[in-house]
Protein backbone atom coordinates (compact mmCIF):
# COMPACT_ATOMS: atom_id res chain seq x y z
CA UNK A 1 -11.92 28.26 -10.75
CA UNK A 2 -13.60 24.66 -10.38
CA UNK A 3 -13.35 21.87 -8.03
CA UNK A 4 -13.04 18.05 -9.21
CA UNK A 5 -13.66 15.45 -7.15
CA UNK A 6 -9.59 14.91 -6.76
CA UNK A 7 -9.44 18.32 -5.89
CA UNK A 8 -12.34 17.93 -3.34
CA UNK A 9 -10.55 15.35 -1.86
CA UNK A 10 -7.54 16.63 -1.19
CA UNK A 11 -8.93 19.87 0.47
CA UNK A 12 -10.84 17.60 3.07
CA UNK A 13 -7.08 16.34 3.82
CA UNK A 14 -5.23 19.70 4.28
CA UNK A 15 -6.27 23.17 2.52
CA UNK A 16 -2.57 23.58 1.89
CA UNK A 17 -2.27 20.43 -0.02
CA UNK A 18 -5.19 21.73 -2.56
CA UNK A 19 -3.68 25.09 -2.92
CA UNK A 20 -0.26 23.81 -3.91
CA UNK A 21 -2.13 20.94 -6.33
CA UNK A 22 -3.68 23.91 -8.09
CA UNK A 23 -1.55 26.98 -7.96
CA UNK A 24 2.07 25.46 -7.62
CA UNK A 25 1.54 21.84 -8.75
CA UNK A 26 5.43 21.60 -9.59
CA UNK A 27 6.17 21.23 -6.36
CA UNK A 28 4.88 18.00 -5.99
CA UNK A 29 6.90 15.15 -5.67
CA UNK A 30 6.93 12.55 -8.72
CA UNK A 31 4.33 9.52 -8.16
CA UNK A 32 6.52 6.76 -7.54
CA UNK A 33 6.28 3.29 -9.74
CA UNK A 34 3.97 1.86 -7.38
CA UNK A 35 1.49 4.42 -7.07
CA UNK A 36 1.49 4.24 -11.20
CA UNK A 37 1.02 1.07 -10.52
CA UNK A 38 -2.00 1.35 -8.55
CA UNK A 39 -3.46 3.98 -10.98
CA UNK A 40 -3.31 1.87 -14.04
CA UNK A 41 -4.60 -1.08 -11.67
CA UNK A 42 -7.48 1.05 -10.94
CA UNK A 43 -8.21 2.06 -14.46
CA UNK A 44 -8.36 -1.72 -16.02
CA UNK A 45 -10.74 -2.68 -12.55
CA UNK A 46 -13.24 0.20 -13.95
CA UNK A 47 -12.83 -0.74 -17.60
CA UNK A 48 -14.06 -4.36 -16.41
CA UNK A 49 -16.64 -2.94 -14.36
CA UNK A 50 -18.55 -1.34 -17.56
CA UNK A 51 -19.01 -4.86 -18.72
CA UNK A 52 -21.52 -5.47 -15.73
CA UNK A 53 -23.76 -2.80 -18.10
CA UNK A 54 -23.24 -4.46 -21.77
CA UNK A 55 -25.21 -1.32 -23.62
CA UNK A 56 -23.57 1.49 -21.72
CA UNK A 57 -22.22 4.32 -23.61
CA UNK A 58 -19.17 5.89 -22.38
CA UNK A 59 -18.54 9.59 -22.89
CA UNK A 60 -15.34 9.59 -24.99
CA UNK A 61 -13.67 13.40 -24.87
CA UNK A 62 -10.22 14.90 -23.92
CA UNK A 63 -9.80 16.38 -21.24
CA UNK A 64 -9.47 19.63 -22.88
CA UNK A 65 -13.07 18.80 -24.29
CA UNK A 66 -14.87 19.52 -21.36
CA UNK A 67 -17.79 21.50 -23.22
CA UNK A 68 -18.45 18.61 -25.47
CA UNK A 69 -18.25 16.02 -22.76
CA UNK A 70 -20.97 18.34 -21.01
CA UNK A 71 -22.99 18.42 -23.75
CA UNK A 72 -22.74 14.58 -24.90
CA UNK A 73 -23.66 13.83 -21.18
CA UNK A 74 -26.86 16.11 -21.27
CA UNK A 75 -28.18 13.89 -24.65
CA UNK A 76 -27.48 10.82 -23.07
CA UNK A 77 -29.20 11.72 -19.80
CA UNK A 78 -32.25 13.15 -21.56
CA UNK A 79 -32.79 11.20 -24.93
CA UNK A 80 -33.94 8.10 -22.39
CA UNK A 81 -32.29 5.23 -24.09
CA UNK A 82 -28.65 4.54 -23.13
CA UNK A 83 -29.46 2.02 -19.86
CA UNK A 84 -26.13 3.54 -18.09
CA UNK A 85 -23.43 6.44 -19.12
CA UNK A 86 -19.15 5.85 -18.74
CA UNK A 87 -17.93 8.87 -17.25
CA UNK A 88 -20.46 10.89 -17.35
CA UNK A 89 -19.47 14.63 -16.86
CA UNK A 90 -21.54 17.29 -14.80
CA UNK A 91 -20.92 20.55 -13.66
CA UNK A 92 -22.62 22.47 -10.70
CA UNK A 93 -21.59 25.36 -8.52
CA UNK A 94 -17.94 25.23 -9.59
CA UNK A 95 -17.79 21.68 -8.76
CA UNK A 96 -17.21 19.20 -11.80
CA UNK A 97 -17.36 15.70 -11.54
CA UNK A 98 -16.75 12.67 -13.92
CA UNK A 99 -18.95 9.27 -12.66
CA UNK A 100 -17.54 6.02 -13.38
CA UNK A 101 -21.06 4.46 -14.01
CA UNK A 102 -24.43 6.31 -14.14
CA UNK A 103 -27.55 3.66 -14.57
CA UNK A 104 -30.57 4.55 -15.35
CA UNK A 105 -33.12 3.20 -12.98
CA UNK A 106 -37.12 3.70 -13.34
CA UNK A 107 -37.18 5.15 -16.63
CA UNK A 108 -34.71 8.03 -16.32
CA UNK A 109 -36.52 9.30 -13.43
CA UNK A 110 -33.71 7.70 -10.93
CA UNK A 111 -30.06 6.79 -11.49
CA UNK A 112 -27.56 4.40 -9.61
CA UNK A 113 -24.47 6.59 -9.13
CA UNK A 114 -21.51 4.14 -8.78
CA UNK A 115 -18.37 5.09 -8.09
CA UNK A 116 -15.70 2.15 -9.04
CA UNK A 117 -12.84 1.31 -6.44
CA UNK A 118 -10.08 -1.77 -6.86
CA UNK A 119 -10.58 -2.21 -2.94
CA UNK A 120 -12.14 -5.19 -1.41
CA UNK A 121 -14.07 -3.04 1.01
CA UNK A 122 -15.99 0.01 1.89
CA UNK A 123 -12.78 2.65 3.76
CA UNK A 124 -13.78 6.40 5.25
CA UNK A 125 -11.64 7.97 2.32
CA UNK A 126 -14.16 6.56 -0.12
CA UNK A 127 -17.54 8.34 1.29
CA UNK A 128 -16.34 11.93 0.25
CA UNK A 129 -15.19 10.57 -3.54
CA UNK A 130 -18.88 9.36 -3.64
CA UNK A 131 -20.71 12.13 -1.47
CA UNK A 132 -19.51 14.84 -3.70
CA UNK A 133 -20.62 13.64 -7.13
CA UNK A 134 -24.13 12.89 -4.96
CA UNK A 135 -24.07 16.79 -4.16
CA UNK A 136 -23.31 17.71 -7.74
CA UNK A 137 -26.32 15.26 -9.47
CA UNK A 138 -28.76 16.43 -6.75
CA UNK A 139 -27.90 20.07 -7.24
CA UNK A 140 -28.93 19.34 -10.76
CA UNK A 141 -32.03 18.05 -10.02
CA UNK A 142 -31.04 14.61 -10.21
CA UNK A 143 -32.54 11.64 -8.39
CA UNK A 144 -29.84 9.42 -7.41
CA UNK A 145 -28.63 6.10 -5.28
CA UNK A 146 -25.28 6.60 -4.20
CA UNK A 147 -23.10 3.51 -4.73
CA UNK A 148 -19.62 1.94 -4.47
CA UNK A 149 -18.81 -1.25 -6.55
CA UNK A 150 -16.21 -2.88 -5.18
CA UNK A 151 -13.97 -6.44 -5.90
CA UNK A 152 -15.48 -9.48 -3.69
CA UNK A 153 -12.93 -11.41 -1.84
CA UNK A 154 -14.87 -14.27 -1.82
CA UNK A 155 -14.68 -14.80 -5.44
CA UNK A 156 -12.69 -17.53 -7.03
CA UNK A 157 -11.42 -17.60 -10.23
CA UNK A 158 -12.01 -20.53 -12.16
CA UNK A 159 -9.05 -19.79 -14.65
CA UNK A 160 -11.34 -19.18 -17.66
CA UNK A 161 -14.21 -16.90 -17.64
CA UNK A 162 -14.80 -14.10 -15.12
CA UNK A 163 -18.02 -14.23 -13.31
CA UNK A 164 -18.48 -10.45 -13.02
CA UNK A 165 -21.88 -10.82 -10.89
CA UNK A 166 -19.99 -12.74 -8.38
CA UNK A 167 -16.34 -10.73 -9.03
CA UNK A 168 -18.17 -7.32 -8.10
CA UNK A 169 -20.39 -6.40 -5.17
CA UNK A 170 -22.45 -3.25 -5.54
CA UNK A 171 -22.84 -1.20 -2.00
CA UNK A 172 -25.71 1.17 -1.24
CA UNK A 173 -24.27 4.13 0.30
CA UNK A 174 -26.98 6.17 0.73
CA UNK A 175 -27.08 6.35 4.90
CA UNK A 176 -23.63 6.80 4.87
CA UNK A 177 -23.79 9.99 2.58
CA UNK A 178 -26.86 11.26 4.48
CA UNK A 179 -24.59 12.20 6.91
CA UNK A 180 -21.95 13.51 5.16
CA UNK A 181 -23.67 15.61 2.42
CA UNK A 182 -25.28 18.54 4.89
CA UNK A 183 -21.78 19.86 5.40
CA UNK A 184 -20.75 19.53 1.19
CA UNK A 185 -21.77 23.23 0.17
CA UNK A 186 -19.98 25.19 3.35
CA UNK A 187 -17.05 22.49 2.20
CA UNK A 188 -16.84 23.87 -1.26
CA UNK A 189 -17.52 27.39 -0.42
CA UNK A 190 -14.48 27.07 2.04
CA UNK A 191 -12.01 25.33 -0.51
CA UNK A 192 -12.72 28.16 -3.34
CA UNK A 193 -12.39 30.98 -0.92
CA UNK A 194 -9.05 29.69 -0.02
CA UNK A 195 -7.78 29.19 -3.63
CA UNK A 196 -9.00 32.77 -4.52
CA UNK A 197 -5.90 33.99 -1.96
CA UNK A 198 -2.58 35.22 -3.01
CA UNK A 199 -0.75 32.64 -0.66
CA UNK A 200 -1.56 29.13 0.58
CA UNK A 201 -3.03 28.65 4.05
CA UNK A 202 -1.04 28.68 7.33
CA UNK A 203 -1.02 24.92 8.27
CA UNK A 204 1.37 23.30 10.76
CA UNK A 205 2.51 19.54 9.83
CA UNK A 206 0.50 16.74 11.26
CA UNK A 207 -1.25 13.57 11.67
CA UNK A 208 -3.24 14.88 8.29
CA UNK A 209 0.10 14.84 6.15
CA UNK A 210 0.02 10.93 5.93
CA UNK A 211 -3.56 10.47 6.06
CA UNK A 212 -5.60 8.98 4.27
CA UNK A 213 -2.14 9.08 2.08
CA UNK A 214 0.78 11.14 2.60
CA UNK A 215 0.45 14.10 0.65
CA UNK A 216 2.49 14.91 -2.95
CA UNK A 217 4.01 17.97 -0.90
CA UNK A 218 4.73 16.20 2.12
CA UNK A 219 8.94 16.99 1.73
CA UNK A 220 7.64 20.90 1.47
CA UNK A 221 5.83 21.47 5.05
CA UNK A 222 8.19 18.62 6.97
CA UNK A 223 11.95 18.36 7.61
CA UNK A 224 13.79 15.47 8.27
CA UNK A 225 13.25 14.97 11.99
CA UNK A 226 16.46 13.67 14.32
CA UNK A 227 16.91 10.50 15.42
CA UNK A 228 16.03 11.55 19.21
CA UNK A 229 13.14 13.79 18.04
CA UNK A 230 9.57 12.36 19.86
CA UNK A 231 7.89 11.14 16.76
CA UNK A 232 10.32 8.52 16.47
CA UNK A 233 9.01 6.76 19.66
CA UNK A 234 7.79 3.79 18.81
CA UNK A 235 4.08 3.72 17.99
CA UNK A 236 3.41 7.27 19.81
CA UNK A 237 -0.21 7.64 19.74
CA UNK A 238 -1.61 11.22 18.88
CA UNK A 239 -3.01 12.12 22.01
CA UNK A 240 0.42 11.67 23.93
CA UNK A 241 2.46 12.97 20.65
CA UNK A 242 0.16 16.31 21.38
CA UNK A 243 0.94 16.19 25.00
CA UNK A 244 4.84 16.12 24.27
CA UNK A 245 3.95 18.77 21.81
CA UNK A 246 2.12 21.35 24.42
CA UNK A 247 5.36 20.42 26.86
CA UNK A 248 7.41 22.04 24.53
CA UNK A 249 9.16 18.62 24.27
CA UNK A 250 11.02 17.84 21.37
CA UNK A 251 13.98 15.22 22.13
CA UNK A 252 13.36 12.27 23.64
CA UNK A 253 15.69 12.51 26.00
CA UNK A 254 13.88 15.38 27.23
CA UNK A 255 10.66 13.63 27.91
CA UNK A 256 9.79 14.59 31.83
CA UNK A 257 9.83 11.92 34.74
CA UNK A 258 6.67 9.77 34.96
CA UNK A 259 5.43 10.95 31.58
CA UNK A 260 3.73 7.42 30.56
CA UNK A 261 5.65 5.74 27.93
CA UNK A 262 5.23 1.87 26.98
CA UNK A 263 7.88 -0.60 27.33
CA UNK A 264 9.58 -0.16 24.24
CA UNK A 265 9.10 3.52 24.51
CA UNK A 266 11.56 3.49 27.78
CA UNK A 267 13.57 1.44 26.43
CA UNK A 268 14.23 4.02 23.53
CA UNK A 269 14.06 6.93 26.03
CA UNK A 270 17.00 4.78 27.79
CA UNK A 271 18.86 4.42 24.45
CA UNK A 272 18.74 8.49 23.86
CA UNK A 273 19.81 9.28 27.32
CA UNK A 274 22.47 6.92 27.30
CA UNK A 275 23.31 7.25 23.65
CA UNK A 276 24.01 3.60 23.48
CA UNK A 277 21.76 0.79 21.91
CA UNK A 278 20.11 -1.54 24.36
CA UNK A 279 19.66 -5.68 24.35
CA UNK A 280 17.88 -7.69 26.66
CA UNK A 281 19.47 -10.10 28.92
CA UNK A 282 16.98 -13.04 27.16
CA UNK A 283 19.03 -12.51 24.12
CA UNK A 284 21.69 -15.17 24.09
CA UNK A 285 18.90 -17.79 25.36
CA UNK A 286 16.58 -16.62 22.20
CA UNK A 287 19.35 -17.09 19.91
CA UNK A 288 20.12 -20.56 20.97
CA UNK A 289 17.04 -21.80 20.10
CA UNK A 290 18.58 -21.37 16.54
CA UNK A 291 19.45 -25.01 14.52
CA UNK A 292 21.48 -25.72 12.06
CA UNK A 293 21.63 -25.46 8.70
CA UNK A 294 19.88 -22.19 8.99
CA UNK A 295 18.06 -20.87 5.30
CA UNK A 296 17.67 -17.30 5.41
CA UNK A 297 14.66 -16.95 3.62
CA UNK A 298 12.43 -14.01 2.09
CA UNK A 299 9.84 -13.95 -1.30
CA UNK A 300 8.24 -11.28 -3.11
CA UNK A 301 4.96 -11.17 -4.68
CA UNK A 302 2.50 -9.14 -6.83
CA UNK A 303 -1.14 -8.85 -5.61
CA UNK A 304 -3.17 -7.87 -8.70
CA UNK A 305 -6.73 -6.82 -8.02
CA UNK A 306 -8.38 -8.72 -10.34
CA UNK A 307 -7.33 -12.45 -9.85
CA UNK A 308 -4.98 -13.64 -12.65
CA UNK A 309 -4.97 -17.37 -12.44
CA UNK A 310 -7.12 -20.34 -11.15
CA UNK A 311 -8.49 -20.47 -7.41
CA UNK A 312 -7.12 -16.97 -6.93
CA UNK A 313 -9.07 -14.42 -5.02
CA UNK A 314 -9.38 -10.43 -5.95
CA UNK A 315 -5.72 -9.12 -4.51
CA UNK A 316 -4.39 -12.70 -3.88
CA UNK A 317 -0.69 -12.44 -3.94
CA UNK A 318 1.10 -14.03 -7.05
CA UNK A 319 4.64 -15.41 -5.52
CA UNK A 320 7.16 -14.58 -8.22
CA UNK A 321 10.69 -15.00 -6.71
CA UNK A 322 12.46 -16.34 -3.77
CA UNK A 323 15.88 -15.88 -2.37
CA UNK A 324 17.38 -18.32 0.46
CA UNK A 325 21.13 -18.36 2.09
CA UNK A 326 22.09 -21.10 3.30
CA UNK A 327 24.77 -21.78 6.33
CA UNK A 328 25.44 -25.46 6.87
CA UNK A 329 27.07 -24.57 10.24
CA UNK A 330 28.72 -21.85 12.53
CA UNK A 331 31.03 -20.26 11.13
CA UNK A 332 30.52 -22.04 7.38
CA UNK A 333 30.43 -20.07 4.13
CA UNK A 334 27.24 -19.06 2.92
CA UNK A 335 25.71 -20.24 0.09
CA UNK A 336 22.96 -18.30 -2.09
CA UNK A 337 20.00 -19.67 -4.24
CA UNK A 338 17.09 -18.17 -5.99
CA UNK A 339 14.20 -18.24 -8.43
CA UNK A 340 12.66 -15.74 -10.25
CA UNK A 341 9.63 -16.26 -12.60
CA UNK A 342 10.31 -14.59 -16.10
CA UNK A 343 7.09 -14.85 -18.04
CA UNK A 344 3.27 -14.42 -17.86
CA UNK A 345 2.87 -18.26 -16.80
CA UNK A 346 1.44 -18.99 -13.92
CA UNK A 347 4.68 -18.81 -11.46
CA UNK A 348 3.08 -21.06 -8.33
CA UNK A 349 4.13 -24.27 -8.89
CA UNK A 350 7.55 -23.76 -9.91
CA UNK A 351 7.85 -21.61 -7.30
CA UNK A 352 7.14 -24.12 -4.31
CA UNK A 353 9.06 -26.84 -6.48
CA UNK A 354 11.69 -25.05 -6.68
CA UNK A 355 11.60 -24.16 -2.93
CA UNK A 356 11.11 -27.43 -1.72
CA UNK A 357 14.54 -28.45 -3.35
CA UNK A 358 16.42 -25.97 -1.44
CA UNK A 359 14.97 -26.15 1.96
CA UNK A 360 15.62 -29.59 3.02
CA UNK A 361 14.15 -31.27 5.89
CA UNK A 362 16.15 -29.81 8.57
CA UNK A 363 17.30 -26.93 10.75
CA UNK A 364 15.71 -23.43 11.04
CA UNK A 365 14.19 -21.06 7.96
CA UNK A 366 15.00 -17.56 9.44
CA UNK A 367 12.63 -15.18 7.83
CA UNK A 368 11.54 -11.53 8.62
CA UNK A 369 7.72 -11.42 9.78
CA UNK A 370 6.84 -15.02 9.10
CA UNK A 371 3.31 -14.39 8.84
CA UNK A 372 3.80 -13.37 5.29
CA UNK A 373 5.85 -16.25 4.42
CA UNK A 374 3.59 -18.93 6.46
CA UNK A 375 0.56 -17.17 4.42
CA UNK A 376 2.08 -17.41 1.15
CA UNK A 377 3.24 -21.11 1.74
CA UNK A 378 -0.53 -21.72 2.85
CA UNK A 379 -2.12 -20.57 -0.42
CA UNK A 380 0.51 -22.72 -2.54
CA UNK A 381 -0.48 -25.94 -0.34
CA UNK A 382 -4.02 -24.96 -0.55
CA UNK A 383 -3.53 -24.82 -4.40
CA UNK A 384 -1.28 -27.73 -4.79
CA UNK A 385 -2.05 -30.67 -2.07
CA UNK A 386 0.32 -32.53 -2.76
CA UNK A 387 2.61 -30.37 -1.31
CA UNK A 388 0.92 -29.95 1.91
CA UNK A 389 3.21 -31.93 4.29
CA UNK A 390 5.92 -30.35 2.87
CA UNK A 391 4.64 -26.82 3.52
CA UNK A 392 3.59 -27.77 6.65
CA UNK A 393 7.00 -28.61 7.80
CA UNK A 394 8.66 -25.31 6.49
CA UNK A 395 6.14 -23.51 8.93
CA UNK A 396 6.83 -25.38 11.79
CA UNK A 397 10.86 -24.65 10.99
CA UNK A 398 9.97 -20.93 10.38
CA UNK A 399 12.15 -18.35 13.12
CA UNK A 400 10.56 -15.31 12.85
CA UNK A 401 13.60 -12.23 13.27
CA UNK A 402 11.35 -9.77 14.04
CA UNK A 403 10.08 -9.97 17.23
CA UNK A 404 13.73 -11.08 18.00
CA UNK A 405 14.93 -7.45 16.97
CA UNK A 406 11.49 -5.91 18.52
CA UNK A 407 11.24 -7.53 21.52
CA UNK A 408 15.09 -7.70 22.38
CA UNK A 409 17.18 -4.99 21.06
CA UNK A 410 16.47 -0.98 20.61
CA UNK A 411 18.59 1.28 18.56
CA UNK A 412 18.17 5.40 18.13
CA UNK A 413 18.39 4.95 14.43
CA UNK A 414 15.62 2.89 14.16
CA UNK A 415 13.49 5.66 14.48
CA UNK A 416 10.63 3.76 16.16
CA UNK A 417 9.99 1.29 13.43
CA UNK A 418 11.26 -2.16 13.26
CA UNK A 419 11.33 -2.79 9.48
CA UNK A 420 13.92 -4.44 8.24
CA UNK A 421 14.82 -1.34 5.80
CA UNK A 422 15.07 0.50 9.09
CA UNK A 423 16.87 -1.72 11.28
CA UNK A 424 19.51 -3.07 9.01
CA UNK A 425 21.47 0.18 8.53
CA UNK A 426 21.40 1.07 12.47
CA UNK A 427 23.78 -2.34 12.62
CA UNK A 428 25.10 -2.96 9.34
CA UNK A 429 25.80 0.97 7.85
CA UNK A 430 27.45 -0.28 5.03
CA UNK A 431 24.45 -2.57 3.75
CA UNK A 432 21.93 0.15 2.52
CA UNK A 433 19.47 -0.02 -0.04
CA UNK A 434 19.93 3.66 -1.62
CA UNK A 435 20.91 3.48 -4.97
CA UNK A 436 19.34 0.20 -5.77
CA UNK A 437 17.80 -0.51 -9.19
CA UNK A 438 14.95 -2.33 -7.11
CA UNK A 439 14.85 -1.15 -3.45
CA UNK A 440 11.61 -2.14 -1.93
CA UNK A 441 9.21 -5.04 -2.24
CA UNK A 442 6.12 -2.98 -3.69
CA UNK A 443 8.39 -1.53 -6.29
CA UNK A 444 9.67 -5.40 -7.09
CA UNK A 445 6.59 -6.25 -7.87
CA UNK A 446 5.41 -3.50 -10.02
CA UNK A 447 8.79 -3.85 -11.95
CA UNK A 448 8.10 -7.95 -11.99
CA UNK A 449 4.53 -7.31 -13.63
CA UNK A 450 5.94 -4.97 -16.33
CA UNK A 451 8.68 -6.72 -17.72
CA UNK A 452 6.74 -10.08 -17.75
CA UNK A 453 4.17 -8.24 -19.92
CA UNK A 454 6.72 -7.19 -22.19
CA UNK A 455 6.67 -3.48 -21.29
CA UNK A 456 10.48 -3.39 -21.30
CA UNK A 457 13.38 -4.12 -24.01
CA UNK A 458 15.47 -7.07 -24.18
CA UNK A 459 18.51 -4.41 -22.89
CA UNK A 460 16.28 -3.32 -20.31
CA UNK A 461 14.70 -6.76 -19.16
CA UNK A 462 18.22 -8.00 -18.32
CA UNK A 463 19.05 -5.18 -16.43
CA UNK A 464 15.47 -5.85 -14.12
CA UNK A 465 16.33 -9.21 -13.91
CA UNK A 466 19.67 -8.33 -12.27
CA UNK A 467 17.79 -5.37 -9.99
CA UNK A 468 15.52 -8.16 -8.89
CA UNK A 469 17.95 -10.59 -8.10
CA UNK A 470 19.59 -7.87 -6.34
CA UNK A 471 17.12 -7.01 -4.07
CA UNK A 472 15.50 -10.22 -3.01
CA UNK A 473 19.39 -11.59 -2.13
CA UNK A 474 19.89 -8.16 -0.18
CA UNK A 475 16.94 -9.10 1.83
CA UNK A 476 18.26 -12.59 2.91
CA UNK A 477 21.85 -11.09 3.08
CA UNK A 478 20.72 -8.53 5.72
CA UNK A 479 18.79 -10.91 8.32
CA UNK A 480 22.42 -13.00 7.77
CA UNK A 481 24.12 -9.98 9.09
CA UNK A 482 21.96 -8.78 11.55
CA UNK A 483 21.97 -12.36 13.01
CA UNK A 484 25.32 -12.04 13.05
CA UNK A 485 25.27 -8.47 15.16
CA UNK A 486 22.94 -9.81 17.18
CA UNK A 487 25.28 -13.22 18.35
CA UNK A 488 28.14 -11.00 18.83
CA UNK A 489 26.36 -8.62 21.70
CA UNK A 490 25.14 -11.62 22.89
CA UNK A 491 28.39 -13.25 23.84
CA UNK A 492 27.76 -16.38 21.99
């Protein structure tokens, strides 16, 4: 029985997760398209990072050829020639690690251990990845400087050639891993001992099921909660949830008098007790500020780790689709217009030009979470300065539906969330995203990127385009229906 870097970090999240990964992997949920895209993006970043070490040597071996990889690594470490080794394999105390980049320092007496991440900042969950590699290499007698290689968000691509020295940054994590490495031997022993048992450990579900990532065995351990369960309180803290659990309270309606609740949590409590949705007295006044013609607008974007077009930084979003439903006046029929980029050329100017032709000069532009649309518009105005005036006018006309929903309504079927996907079925149950070919924004970006890079047949591409148009159209139509519901309940 061996641990790997991924197994070790899984065990830190939850021993039961590790046990199931090793002994019952068939119970794991299939990775969705977004997860697969993140994996592929990580590979792309890793391959580009190798270009920083032009004479580095790649250990080429299949997963089943472990002995070959270990032997080749040993040869390259001892011969003193390769300035860097990619995908070096090491085995120590039943822990097997694969090093993204092992850079030779001081004629091989010291090495820089580099973990490459498709991220722009150090995150807590990166540290175990690095520390387990440091544990193995130091256990084998190598002196290492543990590092993390990241993408620099300050780097601006010129659209011609990547300046790798500016695109990437390398952070020394010696101090951060010094405080963690002393715990590694005990954690390794505990994980290996747990894996030797005949049954998985009994661990109750909790916040660890989602932190730092949702466990692939989430549905094995977590049964769907009823809409009145205390976990469905909006923004309930871990400490308060623990207090309620300690009191034996499962239902929101059973929360004892005097228990501290925020204003929005109190609304959820009132809805649970009354069985009715809640509306504020100020809702009607807020809705009266709407100015026709109304433009219900939604964007879809894709944020590649490696900037794709001139003027972009790592993870800058590429806007590739918009949908707008227009209502000229109260009771008027809806008009729908949309745009979708269909090839790998830079879509940003066409996106903006077509949008300008639809939004006009008057009327509110209804969005859901305006910081997103406003941020996309900002990036477009920065790139295409001739549109700054038009973009500024659009931003001034944005009317954000999210704070209206959050501050002036509550429904038990929100289940503590104010996302459009959760709010919509509470009020318009006949509108659903279930069964749609594309059903969320992340998936839309992944599918679009695959489409423009020719990963579908012509028949499949036609279906993908239909799915993308249907999804984006659904988002703007959802806002139309929600505003209609709010107007009805406000008495306007």
